[in-house]
Amino acid sequence: MSAEASAAGIPYPPPPSYRFRVDGKRTLITGASNGIGREAAIAFARRGARVAVSGRSADKLEELAEDIRGEGGTAVVVPADLSDKGQADDLAGRAAEALGGLDVLINNAGGAGAYIEGGSSGLFGTPPGTVDELFQLNVLSAYALARSAAFIMRDAGRGGCIINNSSIQAIYPTWNLGPYAAMKAALETFTRVWAQELGPWQIRVNGLAPGGVISGNLQRLIDDPNDRAAREATIPMGWLAVPEDAAAALVFLASDDARWVSGTTIVLSGGRTGVPNYIRPEEAPRP
């Protein structure tokens, strides 16, 4: 996707150039049907990676794979619904079989879409069953995938890279997204712990914490100038990121140029370093 200016008229800079290379890296990207995952798949393939794209929509994944192949890249489709524990457990193995090995895992799948759309919010509005569903999608699936990928990478003896897509909510949580923020914070902890555990096998583990990227639930802001302007006003740079911005950071983290970067998280926030102030008065908690 592309954007030309913020709601306040601030022009976007030129798009990322993707100078870093990931030639030959066999890469599994989850949540690749749209948004950050889709753009990451395209970016990795353009920079030389062989990608396995995964998500729930087989039709969208096939379309993405055809687009990549049409540009001369290599892509295979491994559909999976990561809210299903069984599918999460065997996905890394399926991708490694299709690609002939696995060098990079991008744990991108997750989110709070159904949670937000269902009107749930905060401690009072979120039943335990919803938390269980979110935990499987955002944490348990990432754990299962990382564990399987780590075994594959360790046994191959070539090192590797695992990247967990977290969220700025893990660092600066807002009251109405408590369960989601806590789960992304869990991923942040796993990132630091796994970097220590897997380092001896030259497997690097890092995270990306996007905040204000126009994809998924935030896509609707394109058509809601008031809401978009309110959110952009909390960002020092004055504009929301697009999925290409996240993809560029992921390419860097997976590249050999980041060979000594492990155990850290890149915060993609446009300079925002605190809790956003865009919750309207009617949305705030009341006694």
C-alpha atoms as a PDB file:
ATOM      1  CA  MET A   1       0.000   0.000   0.000  1.00  0.00           C
ATOM      2  CA  SER A   2       1.065   3.614  -0.227  1.00  0.00           C
ATOM      3  CA  ALA A   3       0.251   6.928   1.378  1.00  0.00           C
ATOM      4  CA  GLU A   4       1.122  10.424   0.239  1.00  0.00           C
ATOM      5  CA  ALA A   5       0.414  12.654   3.221  1.00  0.00           C
ATOM      6  CA  SER A   6      -0.905  12.661   6.766  1.00  0.00           C
ATOM      7  CA  ALA A   7      -4.306  14.072   7.674  1.00  0.00           C
ATOM      8  CA  ALA A   8      -2.540  17.338   8.513  1.00  0.00           C
ATOM      9  CA  GLY A   9      -0.855  17.419   5.106  1.00  0.00           C
ATOM     10  CA  ILE A  10       2.618  16.295   6.167  1.00  0.00           C
ATOM     11  CA  PRO A  11       4.129  14.599   3.082  1.00  0.00           C
ATOM     12  CA  TYR A  12       5.485  11.082   3.413  1.00  0.00           C
ATOM     13  CA  PRO A  13       9.209  10.599   2.725  1.00  0.00           C
ATOM     14  CA  PRO A  14      10.294   8.355  -0.169  1.00  0.00           C
ATOM     15  CA  PRO A  15       9.487   4.662   0.483  1.00  0.00           C
ATOM     16  CA  PRO A  16      12.120   2.312   1.961  1.00  0.00           C
ATOM     17  CA  SER A  17      14.865   1.252  -0.442  1.00  0.00           C
ATOM     18  CA  TYR A  18      15.532  -2.145   1.210  1.00  0.00           C
ATOM     19  CA  ARG A  19      19.313  -1.904   0.824  1.00  0.00           C
ATOM     20  CA  PHE A  20      19.937  -4.944   3.013  1.00  0.00           C
ATOM     21  CA  ARG A  21      20.041  -8.419   1.456  1.00  0.00           C
ATOM     22  CA  VAL A  22      18.675 -11.778   2.600  1.00  0.00           C
ATOM     23  CA  ASP A  23      19.872 -13.867  -0.343  1.00  0.00           C
ATOM     24  CA  GLY A  24      18.961 -17.545  -0.164  1.00  0.00           C
ATOM     25  CA  LYS A  25      17.489 -17.324   3.330  1.00  0.00           C
ATOM     26  CA  ARG A  26      14.616 -19.766   3.685  1.00  0.00           C
ATOM     27  CA  THR A  27      12.015 -17.680   5.487  1.00  0.00           C
ATOM     28  CA  LEU A  28       8.648 -18.514   7.050  1.00  0.00           C
ATOM     29  CA  ILE A  29       6.331 -15.529   7.502  1.00  0.00           C
ATOM     30  CA  THR A  30       3.083 -15.997   9.401  1.00  0.00           C
ATOM     31  CA  GLY A  31       0.115 -13.681   9.065  1.00  0.00           C
ATOM     32  CA  ALA A  32       1.151 -13.099   5.459  1.00  0.00           C
ATOM     33  CA  SER A  33      -2.333 -12.744   3.965  1.00  0.00           C
ATOM     34  CA  ASN A  34      -2.281  -8.961   4.337  1.00  0.00           C
ATOM     35  CA  GLY A  35      -0.717  -5.984   6.063  1.00  0.00           C
ATOM     36  CA  ILE A  36       2.792  -6.221   7.488  1.00  0.00           C
ATOM     37  CA  GLY A  37       3.103  -9.930   6.723  1.00  0.00           C
ATOM     38  CA  ARG A  38       2.252  -9.493   3.061  1.00  0.00           C
ATOM     39  CA  GLU A  39       4.652  -6.589   2.596  1.00  0.00           C
ATOM     40  CA  ALA A  40       7.369  -8.489   4.441  1.00  0.00           C
ATOM     41  CA  ALA A  41       6.981 -11.463   2.094  1.00  0.00           C
ATOM     42  CA  ILE A  42       7.314  -9.215  -0.942  1.00  0.00           C
ATOM     43  CA  ALA A  43      10.289  -7.362   0.538  1.00  0.00           C
ATOM     44  CA  PHE A  44      12.139 -10.548   1.524  1.00  0.00           C
ATOM     45  CA  ALA A  45      11.588 -12.140  -1.884  1.00  0.00           C
ATOM     46  CA  ARG A  46      12.825  -9.005  -3.665  1.00  0.00           C
ATOM     47  CA  ARG A  47      15.977  -9.063  -1.542  1.00  0.00           C
ATOM     48  CA  GLY A  48      16.735 -12.687  -2.414  1.00  0.00           C
ATOM     49  CA  ALA A  49      14.965 -14.804   0.185  1.00  0.00           C
ATOM     50  CA  ARG A  50      12.933 -17.931  -0.532  1.00  0.00           C
ATOM     51  CA  VAL A  51       9.710 -17.410   1.351  1.00  0.00           C
ATOM     52  CA  ALA A  52       6.986 -19.631   2.782  1.00  0.00           C
ATOM     53  CA  VAL A  53       3.862 -17.565   3.350  1.00  0.00           C
ATOM     54  CA  SER A  54       1.302 -18.636   5.919  1.00  0.00           C
ATOM     55  CA  GLY A  55      -2.087 -17.411   7.036  1.00  0.00           C
ATOM     56  CA  ARG A  56      -5.741 -18.409   7.153  1.00  0.00           C
ATOM     57  CA  SER A  57      -6.739 -17.253   3.663  1.00  0.00           C
ATOM     58  CA  ALA A  58      -5.365 -19.740   1.148  1.00  0.00           C
ATOM     59  CA  ASP A  59      -6.706 -17.674  -1.767  1.00  0.00           C
ATOM     60  CA  LYS A  60      -4.890 -14.515  -0.631  1.00  0.00           C
ATOM     61  CA  LEU A  61      -1.714 -16.474  -0.023  1.00  0.00           C
ATOM     62  CA  GLU A  62      -1.823 -18.022  -3.486  1.00  0.00           C
ATOM     63  CA  GLU A  63      -2.328 -14.584  -4.994  1.00  0.00           C
ATOM     64  CA  LEU A  64       0.658 -13.266  -3.017  1.00  0.00           C
ATOM     65  CA  ALA A  65       2.827 -16.206  -4.050  1.00  0.00           C
ATOM     66  CA  GLU A  66       1.911 -15.681  -7.703  1.00  0.00           C
ATOM     67  CA  ASP A  67       2.846 -11.995  -7.425  1.00  0.00           C
ATOM     68  CA  ILE A  68       6.237 -12.948  -5.979  1.00  0.00           C
ATOM     69  CA  ARG A  69       6.867 -15.585  -8.621  1.00  0.00           C
ATOM     70  CA  GLY A  70       5.841 -13.098 -11.291  1.00  0.00           C
ATOM     71  CA  GLU A  71       8.738 -10.899 -10.161  1.00  0.00           C
ATOM     72  CA  GLY A  72      11.144 -13.838 -10.370  1.00  0.00           C
ATOM     73  CA  GLY A  73      11.069 -14.703  -6.667  1.00  0.00           C
ATOM     74  CA  THR A  74      10.494 -17.996  -4.881  1.00  0.00           C
ATOM     75  CA  ALA A  75       7.405 -18.504  -2.743  1.00  0.00           C
ATOM     76  CA  VAL A  76       5.506 -21.483  -1.373  1.00  0.00           C
ATOM     77  CA  VAL A  77       2.146 -21.466   0.402  1.00  0.00           C
ATOM     78  CA  VAL A  78       1.648 -23.197   3.760  1.00  0.00           C
ATOM     79  CA  PRO A  79      -1.803 -22.205   5.055  1.00  0.00           C
ATOM     80  CA  ALA A  80      -2.481 -22.422   8.785  1.00  0.00           C
ATOM     81  CA  ASP A  81      -4.939 -21.109  11.321  1.00  0.00           C
ATOM     82  CA  LEU A  82      -2.736 -20.389  14.326  1.00  0.00           C
ATOM     83  CA  SER A  83      -5.697 -20.135  16.645  1.00  0.00           C
ATOM     84  CA  ASP A  84      -5.688 -23.948  16.265  1.00  0.00           C
ATOM     85  CA  LYS A  85      -2.933 -25.427  18.451  1.00  0.00           C
ATOM     86  CA  GLY A  86      -2.404 -28.446  16.215  1.00  0.00           C
ATOM     87  CA  GLN A  87      -1.777 -26.303  13.147  1.00  0.00           C
ATOM     88  CA  ALA A  88       0.655 -24.098  15.060  1.00  0.00           C
ATOM     89  CA  ASP A  89       2.645 -27.111  16.244  1.00  0.00           C
ATOM     90  CA  ASP A  90       3.485 -28.476  12.792  1.00  0.00           C
ATOM     91  CA  LEU A  91       3.732 -25.310  10.678  1.00  0.00           C
ATOM     92  CA  ALA A  92       7.503 -24.798  10.967  1.00  0.00           C
ATOM     93  CA  GLY A  93       8.120 -28.393   9.930  1.00  0.00           C
ATOM     94  CA  ARG A  94       5.832 -28.057   6.916  1.00  0.00           C
ATOM     95  CA  ALA A  95       7.582 -24.858   5.843  1.00  0.00           C
ATOM     96  CA  ALA A  96      11.039 -26.398   6.267  1.00  0.00           C
ATOM     97  CA  GLU A  97       9.987 -29.374   4.174  1.00  0.00           C
ATOM     98  CA  ALA A  98       8.673 -27.112   1.414  1.00  0.00           C
ATOM     99  CA  LEU A  99      11.754 -24.882   1.415  1.00  0.00           C
ATOM    100  CA  GLY A 100      14.402 -27.522   2.068  1.00  0.00           C
ATOM    101  CA  GLY A 101      15.256 -26.031   5.445  1.00  0.00           C
ATOM    102  CA  LEU A 102      14.568 -22.959   7.557  1.00  0.00           C
ATOM    103  CA  ASP A 103      16.811 -19.973   8.245  1.00  0.00           C
ATOM    104  CA  VAL A 104      14.363 -17.265   9.324  1.00  0.00           C
ATOM    105  CA  LEU A 105      11.069 -17.347  11.225  1.00  0.00           C
ATOM    106  CA  ILE A 106       8.938 -14.217  11.426  1.00  0.00           C
ATOM    107  CA  ASN A 107       6.240 -14.637  14.056  1.00  0.00           C
ATOM    108  CA  ASN A 108       3.929 -12.022  12.615  1.00  0.00           C
ATOM    109  CA  ALA A 109       0.496 -13.593  13.123  1.00  0.00           C
ATOM    110  CA  GLY A 110      -1.586 -12.238  15.961  1.00  0.00           C
ATOM    111  CA  GLY A 111      -3.742  -9.285  16.813  1.00  0.00           C
ATOM    112  CA  ALA A 112      -6.813  -8.200  18.703  1.00  0.00           C
ATOM    113  CA  GLY A 113      -9.214  -7.736  15.798  1.00  0.00           C
ATOM    114  CA  ALA A 114     -12.134  -9.875  16.955  1.00  0.00           C
ATOM    115  CA  TYR A 115     -11.589  -8.650  20.510  1.00  0.00           C
ATOM    116  CA  ILE A 116     -11.930  -4.996  19.469  1.00  0.00           C
ATOM    117  CA  GLU A 117     -14.703  -5.569  16.936  1.00  0.00           C
ATOM    118  CA  GLY A 118     -16.715  -7.508  19.530  1.00  0.00           C
ATOM    119  CA  GLY A 119     -16.808  -4.474  21.794  1.00  0.00           C
ATOM    120  CA  SER A 120     -14.616  -5.995  24.495  1.00  0.00           C
ATOM    121  CA  SER A 121     -12.464  -3.606  26.472  1.00  0.00           C
ATOM    122  CA  GLY A 122     -10.554  -3.567  29.714  1.00  0.00           C
ATOM    123  CA  LEU A 123     -10.903  -5.866  32.690  1.00  0.00           C
ATOM    124  CA  PHE A 124     -14.675  -5.424  33.064  1.00  0.00           C
ATOM    125  CA  GLY A 125     -15.437  -6.000  29.385  1.00  0.00           C
ATOM    126  CA  THR A 126     -13.174  -8.947  28.587  1.00  0.00           C
ATOM    127  CA  PRO A 127     -14.319 -12.448  29.662  1.00  0.00           C
ATOM    128  CA  PRO A 128     -11.676 -15.103  30.386  1.00  0.00           C
ATOM    129  CA  GLY A 129     -12.680 -17.084  27.297  1.00  0.00           C
ATOM    130  CA  THR A 130     -11.676 -14.178  25.066  1.00  0.00           C
ATOM    131  CA  VAL A 131      -8.336 -13.943  26.846  1.00  0.00           C
ATOM    132  CA  ASP A 132      -7.766 -17.667  26.210  1.00  0.00           C
ATOM    133  CA  GLU A 133      -8.411 -17.211  22.488  1.00  0.00           C
ATOM    134  CA  LEU A 134      -6.096 -14.215  22.269  1.00  0.00           C
ATOM    135  CA  PHE A 135      -3.389 -16.035  24.221  1.00  0.00           C
ATOM    136  CA  GLN A 136      -3.390 -18.948  21.763  1.00  0.00           C
ATOM    137  CA  LEU A 137      -3.148 -16.634  18.768  1.00  0.00           C
ATOM    138  CA  ASN A 138      -0.629 -14.132  20.123  1.00  0.00           C
ATOM    139  CA  VAL A 139       1.576 -16.156  22.475  1.00  0.00           C
ATOM    140  CA  LEU A 140       1.163 -19.948  22.355  1.00  0.00           C
ATOM    141  CA  SER A 141       1.345 -20.134  18.560  1.00  0.00           C
ATOM    142  CA  ALA A 142       4.517 -18.015  18.549  1.00  0.00           C
ATOM    143  CA  TYR A 143       6.019 -20.227  21.252  1.00  0.00           C
ATOM    144  CA  ALA A 144       5.192 -23.420  19.342  1.00  0.00           C
ATOM    145  CA  LEU A 145       6.612 -22.042  16.111  1.00  0.00           C
ATOM    146  CA  ALA A 146       9.786 -20.713  17.714  1.00  0.00           C
ATOM    147  CA  ARG A 147      10.388 -24.016  19.496  1.00  0.00           C
ATOM    148  CA  SER A 148       9.954 -26.057  16.309  1.00  0.00           C
ATOM    149  CA  ALA A 149      12.065 -23.618  14.294  1.00  0.00           C
ATOM    150  CA  ALA A 150      14.817 -23.638  16.931  1.00  0.00           C
ATOM    151  CA  PHE A 151      15.106 -27.439  16.729  1.00  0.00           C
ATOM    152  CA  ILE A 152      15.301 -27.270  12.930  1.00  0.00           C
ATOM    153  CA  MET A 153      17.924 -24.508  12.965  1.00  0.00           C
ATOM    154  CA  ARG A 154      19.973 -26.133  15.734  1.00  0.00           C
ATOM    155  CA  ASP A 155      20.065 -29.516  14.022  1.00  0.00           C
ATOM    156  CA  ALA A 156      21.019 -27.948  10.672  1.00  0.00           C
ATOM    157  CA  GLY A 157      24.002 -26.219  12.294  1.00  0.00           C
ATOM    158  CA  ARG A 158      23.734 -23.092  10.148  1.00  0.00           C
ATOM    159  CA  GLY A 159      22.472 -20.640  12.739  1.00  0.00           C
ATOM    160  CA  GLY A 160      19.280 -18.735  12.090  1.00  0.00           C
ATOM    161  CA  CYS A 161      17.019 -15.873  13.007  1.00  0.00           C
ATOM    162  CA  ILE A 162      13.682 -15.592  14.812  1.00  0.00           C
ATOM    163  CA  ILE A 163      11.779 -12.315  14.840  1.00  0.00           C
ATOM    164  CA  ASN A 164       8.725 -11.776  17.028  1.00  0.00           C
ATOM    165  CA  ASN A 165       6.289  -9.105  15.899  1.00  0.00           C
ATOM    166  CA  SER A 166       5.253  -7.453  19.137  1.00  0.00           C
ATOM    167  CA  SER A 167       3.502  -4.095  19.571  1.00  0.00           C
ATOM    168  CA  ILE A 168       4.101  -0.712  21.107  1.00  0.00           C
ATOM    169  CA  GLN A 169       1.263  -1.754  23.431  1.00  0.00           C
ATOM    170  CA  ALA A 170       3.789  -4.004  25.183  1.00  0.00           C
ATOM    171  CA  ILE A 171       5.754  -0.908  26.178  1.00  0.00           C
ATOM    172  CA  TYR A 172       3.107   1.810  26.475  1.00  0.00           C
ATOM    173  CA  PRO A 173      -0.192  -0.027  27.119  1.00  0.00           C
ATOM    174  CA  THR A 174      -3.606   1.624  27.062  1.00  0.00           C
ATOM    175  CA  TRP A 175      -6.339   0.591  29.493  1.00  0.00           C
ATOM    176  CA  ASN A 176      -8.749  -0.803  26.903  1.00  0.00           C
ATOM    177  CA  LEU A 177      -6.204  -3.227  25.404  1.00  0.00           C
ATOM    178  CA  GLY A 178      -4.875  -4.762  28.611  1.00  0.00           C
ATOM    179  CA  PRO A 179      -4.943  -8.465  27.636  1.00  0.00           C
ATOM    180  CA  TYR A 180      -3.462  -7.757  24.193  1.00  0.00           C
ATOM    181  CA  ALA A 181      -0.736  -5.556  25.693  1.00  0.00           C
ATOM    182  CA  ALA A 182       0.139  -8.213  28.279  1.00  0.00           C
ATOM    183  CA  MET A 183       0.452 -10.876  25.593  1.00  0.00           C
ATOM    184  CA  LYS A 184       2.747  -8.735  23.486  1.00  0.00           C
ATOM    185  CA  ALA A 185       4.793  -8.057  26.616  1.00  0.00           C
ATOM    186  CA  ALA A 186       5.134 -11.829  26.973  1.00  0.00           C
ATOM    187  CA  LEU A 187       6.600 -11.947  23.466  1.00  0.00           C
ATOM    188  CA  GLU A 188       9.057  -9.226  24.461  1.00  0.00           C
ATOM    189  CA  THR A 189      10.210 -11.393  27.364  1.00  0.00           C
ATOM    190  CA  PHE A 190      10.504 -14.474  25.170  1.00  0.00           C
ATOM    191  CA  THR A 191      12.612 -12.464  22.725  1.00  0.00           C
ATOM    192  CA  ARG A 192      15.171 -11.593  25.400  1.00  0.00           C
ATOM    193  CA  VAL A 193      15.179 -15.067  26.973  1.00  0.00           C
ATOM    194  CA  TRP A 194      15.416 -16.988  23.698  1.00  0.00           C
ATOM    195  CA  ALA A 195      18.305 -14.795  22.554  1.00  0.00           C
ATOM    196  CA  GLN A 196      20.265 -16.010  25.587  1.00  0.00           C
ATOM    197  CA  GLU A 197      19.225 -19.628  25.186  1.00  0.00           C
ATOM    198  CA  LEU A 198      19.758 -19.942  21.433  1.00  0.00           C
ATOM    199  CA  GLY A 199      22.828 -17.725  21.058  1.00  0.00           C
ATOM    200  CA  PRO A 200      25.317 -20.604  21.422  1.00  0.00           C
ATOM    201  CA  TRP A 201      23.857 -22.109  18.237  1.00  0.00           C
ATOM    202  CA  GLN A 202      24.185 -18.736  16.446  1.00  0.00           C
ATOM    203  CA  ILE A 203      20.408 -18.332  16.358  1.00  0.00           C
ATOM    204  CA  ARG A 204      19.551 -14.670  16.794  1.00  0.00           C
ATOM    205  CA  VAL A 205      16.206 -13.598  18.291  1.00  0.00           C
ATOM    206  CA  ASN A 206      14.829 -10.078  17.989  1.00  0.00           C
ATOM    207  CA  GLY A 207      11.531  -8.260  18.053  1.00  0.00           C
ATOM    208  CA  LEU A 208       9.686  -5.531  16.220  1.00  0.00           C
ATOM    209  CA  ALA A 209       7.198  -3.379  18.128  1.00  0.00           C
ATOM    210  CA  PRO A 210       5.078  -1.419  15.647  1.00  0.00           C
ATOM    211  CA  GLY A 211       2.774   1.358  16.768  1.00  0.00           C
ATOM    212  CA  GLY A 212       0.573   3.285  14.378  1.00  0.00           C
ATOM    213  CA  VAL A 213       1.043   1.210  11.209  1.00  0.00           C
ATOM    214  CA  ILE A 214      -1.805   1.512   8.722  1.00  0.00           C
ATOM    215  CA  SER A 215      -2.836  -2.134   8.473  1.00  0.00           C
ATOM    216  CA  GLY A 216      -5.404  -4.417  10.021  1.00  0.00           C
ATOM    217  CA  ASN A 217      -7.688  -2.504  12.375  1.00  0.00           C
ATOM    218  CA  LEU A 218      -5.966   0.801  11.655  1.00  0.00           C
ATOM    219  CA  GLN A 219      -6.724   0.526   7.949  1.00  0.00           C
ATOM    220  CA  ARG A 220     -10.116   2.128   8.617  1.00  0.00           C
ATOM    221  CA  LEU A 221      -8.322   5.340   9.623  1.00  0.00           C
ATOM    222  CA  ILE A 222      -7.671   6.021   5.945  1.00  0.00           C
ATOM    223  CA  ASP A 223     -11.401   6.767   5.587  1.00  0.00           C
ATOM    224  CA  ASP A 224     -11.843   8.501   8.957  1.00  0.00           C
ATOM    225  CA  PRO A 225      -9.868  11.776   8.825  1.00  0.00           C
ATOM    226  CA  ASN A 226     -10.849  12.804  12.345  1.00  0.00           C
ATOM    227  CA  ASP A 227      -9.714   9.579  13.971  1.00  0.00           C
ATOM    228  CA  ARG A 228      -6.573   9.489  11.869  1.00  0.00           C
ATOM    229  CA  ALA A 229      -5.713  13.086  12.708  1.00  0.00           C
ATOM    230  CA  ALA A 230      -6.168  12.395  16.432  1.00  0.00           C
ATOM    231  CA  ARG A 231      -3.778   9.465  16.310  1.00  0.00           C
ATOM    232  CA  GLU A 232      -1.227  11.238  14.136  1.00  0.00           C
ATOM    233  CA  ALA A 233      -1.229  14.119  16.607  1.00  0.00           C
ATOM    234  CA  THR A 234       0.308  11.747  19.200  1.00  0.00           C
ATOM    235  CA  ILE A 235       3.246  10.916  16.904  1.00  0.00           C
ATOM    236  CA  PRO A 236       6.135  13.426  16.896  1.00  0.00           C
ATOM    237  CA  MET A 237       6.859  12.788  13.209  1.00  0.00           C
ATOM    238  CA  GLY A 238       3.193  13.529  12.471  1.00  0.00           C
ATOM    239  CA  TRP A 239       2.266  10.597  10.233  1.00  0.00           C
ATOM    240  CA  LEU A 240       1.292   6.938  10.517  1.00  0.00           C
ATOM    241  CA  ALA A 241       3.623   4.285   9.167  1.00  0.00           C
ATOM    242  CA  VAL A 242       2.685   1.935   6.340  1.00  0.00           C
ATOM    243  CA  PRO A 243       3.457  -1.816   6.214  1.00  0.00           C
ATOM    244  CA  GLU A 244       6.538  -1.189   4.059  1.00  0.00           C
ATOM    245  CA  ASP A 245       8.150   0.608   7.016  1.00  0.00           C
ATOM    246  CA  ALA A 246       7.778  -2.493   9.180  1.00  0.00           C
ATOM    247  CA  ALA A 247       8.953  -4.757   6.353  1.00  0.00           C
ATOM    248  CA  ALA A 248      12.149  -2.727   5.955  1.00  0.00           C
ATOM    249  CA  ALA A 249      12.973  -3.189   9.646  1.00  0.00           C
ATOM    250  CA  LEU A 250      12.310  -6.929   9.386  1.00  0.00           C
ATOM    251  CA  VAL A 251      14.627  -7.264   6.376  1.00  0.00           C
ATOM    252  CA  PHE A 252      17.402  -5.548   8.312  1.00  0.00           C
ATOM    253  CA  LEU A 253      16.958  -7.764  11.376  1.00  0.00           C
ATOM    254  CA  ALA A 254      17.090 -10.919   9.232  1.00  0.00           C
ATOM    255  CA  SER A 255      20.094  -9.779   7.187  1.00  0.00           C
ATOM    256  CA  ASP A 256      23.727 -10.650   7.904  1.00  0.00           C
ATOM    257  CA  ASP A 257      24.325  -6.943   8.513  1.00  0.00           C
ATOM    258  CA  ALA A 258      22.516  -7.509  11.829  1.00  0.00           C
ATOM    259  CA  ARG A 259      24.723 -10.495  12.677  1.00  0.00           C
ATOM    260  CA  TRP A 260      25.439  -9.268  16.232  1.00  0.00           C
ATOM    261  CA  VAL A 261      21.969  -7.887  16.908  1.00  0.00           C
ATOM    262  CA  SER A 262      20.111 -10.266  19.206  1.00  0.00           C
ATOM    263  CA  GLY A 263      17.860  -9.915  22.222  1.00  0.00           C
ATOM    264  CA  THR A 264      16.566  -6.502  21.267  1.00  0.00           C
ATOM    265  CA  THR A 265      13.355  -4.991  19.911  1.00  0.00           C
ATOM    266  CA  ILE A 266      13.096  -2.225  17.340  1.00  0.00           C
ATOM    267  CA  VAL A 267      10.307   0.143  18.320  1.00  0.00           C
ATOM    268  CA  LEU A 268       8.597   1.475  15.203  1.00  0.00           C
ATOM    269  CA  SER A 269       6.733   4.471  16.580  1.00  0.00           C
ATOM    270  CA  GLY A 270       7.698   7.645  14.736  1.00  0.00           C
ATOM    271  CA  GLY A 271       9.164   8.990  17.970  1.00  0.00           C
ATOM    272  CA  ARG A 272       6.253   8.268  20.283  1.00  0.00           C
ATOM    273  CA  THR A 273       7.679   7.477  23.704  1.00  0.00           C
ATOM    274  CA  GLY A 274       4.626   7.450  25.941  1.00  0.00           C
ATOM    275  CA  VAL A 275       1.016   6.381  26.252  1.00  0.00           C
ATOM    276  CA  PRO A 276      -1.028   7.837  23.358  1.00  0.00           C
ATOM    277  CA  ASN A 277      -3.650  10.445  24.144  1.00  0.00           C
ATOM    278  CA  TYR A 278      -6.226   9.644  21.467  1.00  0.00           C
ATOM    279  CA  ILE A 279      -8.920   7.900  23.545  1.00  0.00           C
ATOM    280  CA  ARG A 280     -12.013  10.070  23.366  1.00  0.00           C
ATOM    281  CA  PRO A 281     -13.727  11.140  26.617  1.00  0.00           C
ATOM    282  CA  GLU A 282     -16.713   8.883  25.980  1.00  0.00           C
ATOM    283  CA  GLU A 283     -14.348   5.903  25.637  1.00  0.00           C
ATOM    284  CA  ALA A 284     -12.556   6.481  28.940  1.00  0.00           C
ATOM    285  CA  PRO A 285     -13.317   4.280  31.968  1.00  0.00           C
ATOM    286  CA  ARG A 286     -15.886   5.600  34.441  1.00  0.00           C
ATOM    287  CA  PRO A 287     -16.608   4.533  38.040  1.00  0.00           C
END
